[in-house]
mmCIF file of all heavy atoms, coordinates in Angstrom:
data_MODEL
# 
_entry.id   MODEL 
# 
loop_
_atom_site.group_PDB 
_atom_site.id 
_atom_site.type_symbol 
_atom_site.label_atom_id 
_atom_site.label_alt_id 
_atom_site.label_comp_id 
_atom_site.label_asym_id 
_atom_site.label_entity_id 
_atom_site.label_seq_id 
_atom_site.pdbx_PDB_ins_code 
_atom_site.Cartn_x 
_atom_site.Cartn_y 
_atom_site.Cartn_z 
_atom_site.occupancy 
_atom_site.B_iso_or_equiv 
_atom_site.pdbx_formal_charge 
_atom_site.auth_seq_id 
_atom_site.auth_comp_id 
_atom_site.auth_asym_id 
_atom_site.auth_atom_id 
_atom_site.pdbx_PDB_model_num 
ATOM 1   N N   . GLY A 1 1  ? 20.564 11.093 -54.500 1.00 0.00 ? 1  GLY A N   1 
ATOM 2   C CA  . GLY A 1 1  ? 20.039 12.104 -53.597 1.00 0.00 ? 1  GLY A CA  1 
ATOM 3   C C   . GLY A 1 1  ? 19.938 11.562 -52.186 1.00 0.00 ? 1  GLY A C   1 
ATOM 4   O O   . GLY A 1 1  ? 19.762 10.362 -51.975 1.00 0.00 ? 1  GLY A O   1 
ATOM 5   N N   . VAL A 1 2  ? 20.061 12.464 -51.214 1.00 0.00 ? 2  VAL A N   1 
ATOM 6   C CA  . VAL A 1 2  ? 19.901 12.110 -49.800 1.00 0.00 ? 2  VAL A CA  1 
ATOM 7   C C   . VAL A 1 2  ? 18.853 13.037 -49.210 1.00 0.00 ? 2  VAL A C   1 
ATOM 8   O O   . VAL A 1 2  ? 18.868 14.247 -49.461 1.00 0.00 ? 2  VAL A O   1 
ATOM 9   C CB  . VAL A 1 2  ? 21.229 12.224 -49.029 1.00 0.00 ? 2  VAL A CB  1 
ATOM 10  C CG1 . VAL A 1 2  ? 20.999 12.130 -47.527 1.00 0.00 ? 2  VAL A CG1 1 
ATOM 11  C CG2 . VAL A 1 2  ? 22.208 11.149 -49.487 1.00 0.00 ? 2  VAL A CG2 1 
ATOM 12  N N   . PHE A 1 3  ? 17.954 12.470 -48.418 1.00 0.00 ? 3  PHE A N   1 
ATOM 13  C CA  . PHE A 1 3  ? 16.879 13.233 -47.798 1.00 0.00 ? 3  PHE A CA  1 
ATOM 14  C C   . PHE A 1 3  ? 16.947 13.066 -46.290 1.00 0.00 ? 3  PHE A C   1 
ATOM 15  O O   . PHE A 1 3  ? 16.886 11.942 -45.787 1.00 0.00 ? 3  PHE A O   1 
ATOM 16  C CB  . PHE A 1 3  ? 15.525 12.765 -48.323 1.00 0.00 ? 3  PHE A CB  1 
ATOM 17  C CG  . PHE A 1 3  ? 14.371 13.618 -47.889 1.00 0.00 ? 3  PHE A CG  1 
ATOM 18  C CD1 . PHE A 1 3  ? 13.971 14.706 -48.642 1.00 0.00 ? 3  PHE A CD1 1 
ATOM 19  C CD2 . PHE A 1 3  ? 13.675 13.333 -46.714 1.00 0.00 ? 3  PHE A CD2 1 
ATOM 20  C CE1 . PHE A 1 3  ? 12.920 15.499 -48.243 1.00 0.00 ? 3  PHE A CE1 1 
ATOM 21  C CE2 . PHE A 1 3  ? 12.619 14.126 -46.304 1.00 0.00 ? 3  PHE A CE2 1 
ATOM 22  C CZ  . PHE A 1 3  ? 12.231 15.204 -47.077 1.00 0.00 ? 3  PHE A CZ  1 
ATOM 23  N N   . LEU A 1 4  ? 17.082 14.194 -45.563 1.00 0.00 ? 4  LEU A N   1 
ATOM 24  C CA  . LEU A 1 4  ? 17.120 14.184 -44.102 1.00 0.00 ? 4  LEU A CA  1 
ATOM 25  C C   . LEU A 1 4  ? 15.755 14.615 -43.582 1.00 0.00 ? 4  LEU A C   1 
ATOM 26  O O   . LEU A 1 4  ? 15.253 15.685 -43.942 1.00 0.00 ? 4  LEU A O   1 
ATOM 27  C CB  . LEU A 1 4  ? 18.202 15.121 -43.568 1.00 0.00 ? 4  LEU A CB  1 
ATOM 28  C CG  . LEU A 1 4  ? 19.657 14.710 -43.818 1.00 0.00 ? 4  LEU A CG  1 
ATOM 29  C CD1 . LEU A 1 4  ? 20.130 15.194 -45.182 1.00 0.00 ? 4  LEU A CD1 1 
ATOM 30  C CD2 . LEU A 1 4  ? 20.574 15.273 -42.742 1.00 0.00 ? 4  LEU A CD2 1 
ATOM 31  N N   . THR A 1 5  ? 15.151 13.790 -42.734 1.00 0.00 ? 5  THR A N   1 
ATOM 32  C CA  . THR A 1 5  ? 13.800 14.059 -42.265 1.00 0.00 ? 5  THR A CA  1 
ATOM 33  C C   . THR A 1 5  ? 13.797 15.080 -41.126 1.00 0.00 ? 5  THR A C   1 
ATOM 34  O O   . THR A 1 5  ? 14.834 15.487 -40.616 1.00 0.00 ? 5  THR A O   1 
ATOM 35  C CB  . THR A 1 5  ? 13.122 12.774 -41.775 1.00 0.00 ? 5  THR A CB  1 
ATOM 36  O OG1 . THR A 1 5  ? 13.683 12.392 -40.506 1.00 0.00 ? 5  THR A OG1 1 
ATOM 37  C CG2 . THR A 1 5  ? 13.304 11.641 -42.774 1.00 0.00 ? 5  THR A CG2 1 
ATOM 38  N N   . GLY A 1 6  ? 12.581 15.430 -40.701 1.00 0.00 ? 6  GLY A N   1 
ATOM 39  C CA  . GLY A 1 6  ? 12.414 16.339 -39.581 1.00 0.00 ? 6  GLY A CA  1 
ATOM 40  C C   . GLY A 1 6  ? 12.525 15.629 -38.242 1.00 0.00 ? 6  GLY A C   1 
ATOM 41  O O   . GLY A 1 6  ? 12.674 14.409 -38.162 1.00 0.00 ? 6  GLY A O   1 
ATOM 42  N N   . GLY A 1 7  ? 12.425 16.430 -37.188 1.00 0.00 ? 7  GLY A N   1 
ATOM 43  C CA  . GLY A 1 7  ? 12.546 15.916 -35.830 1.00 0.00 ? 7  GLY A CA  1 
ATOM 44  C C   . GLY A 1 7  ? 13.280 16.911 -34.960 1.00 0.00 ? 7  GLY A C   1 
ATOM 45  O O   . GLY A 1 7  ? 12.861 18.048 -34.800 1.00 0.00 ? 7  GLY A O   1 
ATOM 46  N N   . ASN A 1 8  ? 14.422 16.520 -34.449 1.00 0.00 ? 8  ASN A N   1 
ATOM 47  C CA  . ASN A 1 8  ? 15.255 17.356 -33.578 1.00 0.00 ? 8  ASN A CA  1 
ATOM 48  C C   . ASN A 1 8  ? 16.633 17.466 -34.212 1.00 0.00 ? 8  ASN A C   1 
ATOM 49  O O   . ASN A 1 8  ? 17.354 16.476 -34.334 1.00 0.00 ? 8  ASN A O   1 
ATOM 50  C CB  . ASN A 1 8  ? 15.347 16.720 -32.185 1.00 0.00 ? 8  ASN A CB  1 
ATOM 51  C CG  . ASN A 1 8  ? 16.176 17.536 -31.202 1.00 0.00 ? 8  ASN A CG  1 
ATOM 52  O OD1 . ASN A 1 8  ? 16.920 18.429 -31.586 1.00 0.00 ? 8  ASN A OD1 1 
ATOM 53  N ND2 . ASN A 1 8  ? 16.044 17.231 -29.930 1.00 0.00 ? 8  ASN A ND2 1 
ATOM 54  N N   . GLN A 1 9  ? 17.006 18.697 -34.612 1.00 0.00 ? 9  GLN A N   1 
ATOM 55  C CA  . GLN A 1 9  ? 18.280 18.869 -35.310 1.00 0.00 ? 9  GLN A CA  1 
ATOM 56  C C   . GLN A 1 9  ? 19.492 18.552 -34.438 1.00 0.00 ? 9  GLN A C   1 
ATOM 57  O O   . GLN A 1 9  ? 20.560 18.199 -34.952 1.00 0.00 ? 9  GLN A O   1 
ATOM 58  C CB  . GLN A 1 9  ? 18.418 20.275 -35.901 1.00 0.00 ? 9  GLN A CB  1 
ATOM 59  C CG  . GLN A 1 9  ? 18.119 21.427 -34.978 1.00 0.00 ? 9  GLN A CG  1 
ATOM 60  C CD  . GLN A 1 9  ? 16.701 21.928 -35.158 1.00 0.00 ? 9  GLN A CD  1 
ATOM 61  O OE1 . GLN A 1 9  ? 15.758 21.150 -35.184 1.00 0.00 ? 9  GLN A OE1 1 
ATOM 62  N NE2 . GLN A 1 9  ? 16.552 23.240 -35.294 1.00 0.00 ? 9  GLN A NE2 1 
ATOM 63  N N   . LEU A 1 10 ? 19.351 18.630 -33.113 1.00 0.00 ? 10 LEU A N   1 
ATOM 64  C CA  . LEU A 1 10 ? 20.476 18.262 -32.260 1.00 0.00 ? 10 LEU A CA  1 
ATOM 65  C C   . LEU A 1 10 ? 20.744 16.760 -32.301 1.00 0.00 ? 10 LEU A C   1 
ATOM 66  O O   . LEU A 1 10 ? 21.871 16.323 -32.075 1.00 0.00 ? 10 LEU A O   1 
ATOM 67  C CB  . LEU A 1 10 ? 20.224 18.712 -30.817 1.00 0.00 ? 10 LEU A CB  1 
ATOM 68  C CG  . LEU A 1 10 ? 20.439 20.213 -30.571 1.00 0.00 ? 10 LEU A CG  1 
ATOM 69  C CD1 . LEU A 1 10 ? 20.032 20.584 -29.158 1.00 0.00 ? 10 LEU A CD1 1 
ATOM 70  C CD2 . LEU A 1 10 ? 21.884 20.615 -30.835 1.00 0.00 ? 10 LEU A CD2 1 
ATOM 71  N N   . ARG A 1 11 ? 19.731 15.954 -32.600 1.00 0.00 ? 11 ARG A N   1 
ATOM 72  C CA  . ARG A 1 11 ? 19.977 14.524 -32.804 1.00 0.00 ? 11 ARG A CA  1 
ATOM 73  C C   . ARG A 1 11 ? 20.843 14.313 -34.043 1.00 0.00 ? 11 ARG A C   1 
ATOM 74  O O   . ARG A 1 11 ? 21.686 13.404 -34.078 1.00 0.00 ? 11 ARG A O   1 
ATOM 75  C CB  . ARG A 1 11 ? 18.654 13.774 -32.942 1.00 0.00 ? 11 ARG A CB  1 
ATOM 76  C CG  . ARG A 1 11 ? 18.001 13.443 -31.607 1.00 0.00 ? 11 ARG A CG  1 
ATOM 77  C CD  . ARG A 1 11 ? 16.717 12.654 -31.778 1.00 0.00 ? 11 ARG A CD  1 
ATOM 78  N NE  . ARG A 1 11 ? 16.895 11.448 -32.568 1.00 0.00 ? 11 ARG A NE  1 
ATOM 79  C CZ  . ARG A 1 11 ? 17.381 10.298 -32.122 1.00 0.00 ? 11 ARG A CZ  1 
ATOM 80  N NH1 . ARG A 1 11 ? 17.748 10.202 -30.846 1.00 0.00 ? 11 ARG A NH1 1 
ATOM 81  N NH2 . ARG A 1 11 ? 17.488 9.240  -32.902 1.00 0.00 ? 11 ARG A NH2 1 
ATOM 82  N N   . LEU A 1 12 ? 20.657 15.131 -35.065 1.00 0.00 ? 12 LEU A N   1 
ATOM 83  C CA  . LEU A 1 12 ? 21.497 15.041 -36.253 1.00 0.00 ? 12 LEU A CA  1 
ATOM 84  C C   . LEU A 1 12 ? 22.933 15.444 -35.946 1.00 0.00 ? 12 LEU A C   1 
ATOM 85  O O   . LEU A 1 12 ? 23.877 14.744 -36.307 1.00 0.00 ? 12 LEU A O   1 
ATOM 86  C CB  . LEU A 1 12 ? 20.926 15.923 -37.363 1.00 0.00 ? 12 LEU A CB  1 
ATOM 87  C CG  . LEU A 1 12 ? 19.706 15.371 -38.097 1.00 0.00 ? 12 LEU A CG  1 
ATOM 88  C CD1 . LEU A 1 12 ? 19.024 16.473 -38.903 1.00 0.00 ? 12 LEU A CD1 1 
ATOM 89  C CD2 . LEU A 1 12 ? 20.101 14.222 -39.016 1.00 0.00 ? 12 LEU A CD2 1 
ATOM 90  N N   . SER A 1 13 ? 23.114 16.588 -35.291 1.00 0.00 ? 13 SER A N   1 
ATOM 91  C CA  . SER A 1 13 ? 24.472 17.072 -35.062 1.00 0.00 ? 13 SER A CA  1 
ATOM 92  C C   . SER A 1 13 ? 25.239 16.193 -34.084 1.00 0.00 ? 13 SER A C   1 
ATOM 93  O O   . SER A 1 13 ? 26.438 15.952 -34.263 1.00 0.00 ? 13 SER A O   1 
ATOM 94  C CB  . SER A 1 13 ? 24.440 18.524 -34.562 1.00 0.00 ? 13 SER A CB  1 
ATOM 95  O OG  . SER A 1 13 ? 23.732 18.626 -33.344 1.00 0.00 ? 13 SER A OG  1 
ATOM 96  N N   . THR A 1 14 ? 24.565 15.674 -33.063 1.00 0.00 ? 14 THR A N   1 
ATOM 97  C CA  . THR A 1 14 ? 25.279 14.871 -32.067 1.00 0.00 ? 14 THR A CA  1 
ATOM 98  C C   . THR A 1 14 ? 25.481 13.426 -32.513 1.00 0.00 ? 14 THR A C   1 
ATOM 99  O O   . THR A 1 14 ? 26.418 12.759 -32.059 1.00 0.00 ? 14 THR A O   1 
ATOM 100 C CB  . THR A 1 14 ? 24.529 14.874 -30.720 1.00 0.00 ? 14 THR A CB  1 
ATOM 101 O OG1 . THR A 1 14 ? 23.199 14.367 -30.909 1.00 0.00 ? 14 THR A OG1 1 
ATOM 102 C CG2 . THR A 1 14 ? 24.461 16.275 -30.156 1.00 0.00 ? 14 THR A CG2 1 
ATOM 103 N N   . THR A 1 15 ? 24.636 12.938 -33.412 1.00 0.00 ? 15 THR A N   1 
ATOM 104 C CA  . THR A 1 15 ? 24.770 11.558 -33.885 1.00 0.00 ? 15 THR A CA  1 
ATOM 105 C C   . THR A 1 15 ? 25.654 11.460 -35.119 1.00 0.00 ? 15 THR A C   1 
ATOM 106 O O   . THR A 1 15 ? 26.489 10.552 -35.234 1.00 0.00 ? 15 THR A O   1 
ATOM 107 C CB  . THR A 1 15 ? 23.385 10.958 -34.204 1.00 0.00 ? 15 THR A CB  1 
ATOM 108 O OG1 . THR A 1 15 ? 22.549 11.053 -33.058 1.00 0.00 ? 15 THR A OG1 1 
ATOM 109 C CG2 . THR A 1 15 ? 23.503 9.498  -34.627 1.00 0.00 ? 15 THR A CG2 1 
ATOM 110 N N   . ILE A 1 16 ? 25.502 12.402 -36.058 1.00 0.00 ? 16 ILE A N   1 
ATOM 111 C CA  . ILE A 1 16 ? 26.198 12.314 -37.346 1.00 0.00 ? 16 ILE A CA  1 
ATOM 112 C C   . ILE A 1 16 ? 27.431 13.203 -37.406 1.00 0.00 ? 16 ILE A C   1 
ATOM 113 O O   . ILE A 1 16 ? 28.399 12.885 -38.111 1.00 0.00 ? 16 ILE A O   1 
ATOM 114 C CB  . ILE A 1 16 ? 25.211 12.663 -38.483 1.00 0.00 ? 16 ILE A CB  1 
ATOM 115 C CG1 . ILE A 1 16 ? 24.155 11.563 -38.598 1.00 0.00 ? 16 ILE A CG1 1 
ATOM 116 C CG2 . ILE A 1 16 ? 25.926 12.859 -39.807 1.00 0.00 ? 16 ILE A CG2 1 
ATOM 117 C CD1 . ILE A 1 16 ? 23.089 11.833 -39.634 1.00 0.00 ? 16 ILE A CD1 1 
ATOM 118 N N   . GLY A 1 17 ? 27.421 14.321 -36.689 1.00 0.00 ? 17 GLY A N   1 
ATOM 119 C CA  . GLY A 1 17 ? 28.556 15.251 -36.753 1.00 0.00 ? 17 GLY A CA  1 
ATOM 120 C C   . GLY A 1 17 ? 29.879 14.582 -36.428 1.00 0.00 ? 17 GLY A C   1 
ATOM 121 O O   . GLY A 1 17 ? 29.981 13.816 -35.469 1.00 0.00 ? 17 GLY A O   1 
ATOM 122 N N   . GLY A 1 18 ? 30.902 14.847 -37.241 1.00 0.00 ? 18 GLY A N   1 
ATOM 123 C CA  . GLY A 1 18 ? 32.228 14.300 -36.978 1.00 0.00 ? 18 GLY A CA  1 
ATOM 124 C C   . GLY A 1 18 ? 32.385 12.831 -37.282 1.00 0.00 ? 18 GLY A C   1 
ATOM 125 O O   . GLY A 1 18 ? 33.360 12.205 -36.842 1.00 0.00 ? 18 GLY A O   1 
ATOM 126 N N   . THR A 1 19 ? 31.462 12.256 -38.057 1.00 0.00 ? 19 THR A N   1 
ATOM 127 C CA  . THR A 1 19 ? 31.525 10.829 -38.402 1.00 0.00 ? 19 THR A CA  1 
ATOM 128 C C   . THR A 1 19 ? 31.787 10.659 -39.902 1.00 0.00 ? 19 THR A C   1 
ATOM 129 O O   . THR A 1 19 ? 31.695 11.617 -40.666 1.00 0.00 ? 19 THR A O   1 
ATOM 130 C CB  . THR A 1 19 ? 30.212 10.114 -38.052 1.00 0.00 ? 19 THR A CB  1 
ATOM 131 O OG1 . THR A 1 19 ? 29.184 10.558 -38.963 1.00 0.00 ? 19 THR A OG1 1 
ATOM 132 C CG2 . THR A 1 19 ? 29.787 10.404 -36.618 1.00 0.00 ? 19 THR A CG2 1 
ATOM 133 N N   . PRO A 1 20 ? 32.066 9.431  -40.350 1.00 0.00 ? 20 PRO A N   1 
ATOM 134 C CA  . PRO A 1 20 ? 32.223 9.197  -41.786 1.00 0.00 ? 20 PRO A CA  1 
ATOM 135 C C   . PRO A 1 20 ? 30.990 9.569  -42.605 1.00 0.00 ? 20 PRO A C   1 
ATOM 136 O O   . PRO A 1 20 ? 31.114 9.915  -43.783 1.00 0.00 ? 20 PRO A O   1 
ATOM 137 C CB  . PRO A 1 20 ? 32.514 7.694  -41.862 1.00 0.00 ? 20 PRO A CB  1 
ATOM 138 C CG  . PRO A 1 20 ? 33.149 7.370  -40.557 1.00 0.00 ? 20 PRO A CG  1 
ATOM 139 C CD  . PRO A 1 20 ? 32.456 8.242  -39.561 1.00 0.00 ? 20 PRO A CD  1 
ATOM 140 N N   . VAL A 1 21 ? 29.803 9.514  -42.001 1.00 0.00 ? 21 VAL A N   1 
ATOM 141 C CA  . VAL A 1 21 ? 28.592 9.910  -42.728 1.00 0.00 ? 21 VAL A CA  1 
ATOM 142 C C   . VAL A 1 21 ? 28.642 11.387 -43.081 1.00 0.00 ? 21 VAL A C   1 
ATOM 143 O O   . VAL A 1 21 ? 28.394 11.779 -44.229 1.00 0.00 ? 21 VAL A O   1 
ATOM 144 C CB  . VAL A 1 21 ? 27.326 9.593  -41.897 1.00 0.00 ? 21 VAL A CB  1 
ATOM 145 C CG1 . VAL A 1 21 ? 26.100 10.190 -42.551 1.00 0.00 ? 21 VAL A CG1 1 
ATOM 146 C CG2 . VAL A 1 21 ? 27.164 8.095  -41.749 1.00 0.00 ? 21 VAL A CG2 1 
ATOM 147 N N   . ALA A 1 22 ? 28.967 12.245 -42.115 1.00 0.00 ? 22 ALA A N   1 
ATOM 148 C CA  . ALA A 1 22 ? 29.050 13.678 -42.377 1.00 0.00 ? 22 ALA A CA  1 
ATOM 149 C C   . ALA A 1 22 ? 30.136 13.981 -43.408 1.00 0.00 ? 22 ALA A C   1 
ATOM 150 O O   . ALA A 1 22 ? 29.930 14.780 -44.330 1.00 0.00 ? 22 ALA A O   1 
ATOM 151 C CB  . ALA A 1 22 ? 29.321 14.438 -41.078 1.00 0.00 ? 22 ALA A CB  1 
ATOM 152 N N   . ASP A 1 23 ? 31.291 13.341 -43.271 1.00 0.00 ? 23 ASP A N   1 
ATOM 153 C CA  . ASP A 1 23 ? 32.383 13.564 -44.230 1.00 0.00 ? 23 ASP A CA  1 
ATOM 154 C C   . ASP A 1 23 ? 31.958 13.156 -45.638 1.00 0.00 ? 23 ASP A C   1 
ATOM 155 O O   . ASP A 1 23 ? 32.230 13.869 -46.613 1.00 0.00 ? 23 ASP A O   1 
ATOM 156 C CB  . ASP A 1 23 ? 33.623 12.765 -43.812 1.00 0.00 ? 23 ASP A CB  1 
ATOM 157 C CG  . ASP A 1 23 ? 34.240 13.252 -42.515 1.00 0.00 ? 23 ASP A CG  1 
ATOM 158 O OD1 . ASP A 1 23 ? 33.960 14.400 -42.119 1.00 0.00 ? 23 ASP A OD1 1 
ATOM 159 O OD2 . ASP A 1 23 ? 34.991 12.472 -41.892 1.00 0.00 ? 23 ASP A OD2 1 
ATOM 160 N N   . LEU A 1 24 ? 31.284 12.024 -45.735 1.00 0.00 ? 24 LEU A N   1 
ATOM 161 C CA  . LEU A 1 24 ? 30.880 11.521 -47.043 1.00 0.00 ? 24 LEU A CA  1 
ATOM 162 C C   . LEU A 1 24 ? 29.809 12.407 -47.676 1.00 0.00 ? 24 LEU A C   1 
ATOM 163 O O   . LEU A 1 24 ? 29.838 12.651 -48.888 1.00 0.00 ? 24 LEU A O   1 
ATOM 164 C CB  . LEU A 1 24 ? 30.380 10.085 -46.906 1.00 0.00 ? 24 LEU A CB  1 
ATOM 165 C CG  . LEU A 1 24 ? 30.041 9.342  -48.200 1.00 0.00 ? 24 LEU A CG  1 
ATOM 166 C CD1 . LEU A 1 24 ? 31.239 9.313  -49.156 1.00 0.00 ? 24 LEU A CD1 1 
ATOM 167 C CD2 . LEU A 1 24 ? 29.586 7.915  -47.885 1.00 0.00 ? 24 LEU A CD2 1 
ATOM 168 N N   . LEU A 1 25 ? 28.863 12.903 -46.897 1.00 0.00 ? 25 LEU A N   1 
ATOM 169 C CA  . LEU A 1 25 ? 27.826 13.778 -47.434 1.00 0.00 ? 25 LEU A CA  1 
ATOM 170 C C   . LEU A 1 25 ? 28.430 15.063 -47.988 1.00 0.00 ? 25 LEU A C   1 
ATOM 171 O O   . LEU A 1 25 ? 28.031 15.545 -49.059 1.00 0.00 ? 25 LEU A O   1 
ATOM 172 C CB  . LEU A 1 25 ? 26.785 14.093 -46.360 1.00 0.00 ? 25 LEU A CB  1 
ATOM 173 C CG  . LEU A 1 25 ? 25.863 12.945 -45.949 1.00 0.00 ? 25 LEU A CG  1 
ATOM 174 C CD1 . LEU A 1 25 ? 24.955 13.381 -44.813 1.00 0.00 ? 25 LEU A CD1 1 
ATOM 175 C CD2 . LEU A 1 25 ? 25.044 12.449 -47.135 1.00 0.00 ? 25 LEU A CD2 1 
# 
């Protein structure tokens, strides 16, 4: 399982979007 915490969703999209992490998830 993977758990994504709260905060600012734009930090998620701009940091993880388009990376191997996003592809793997």
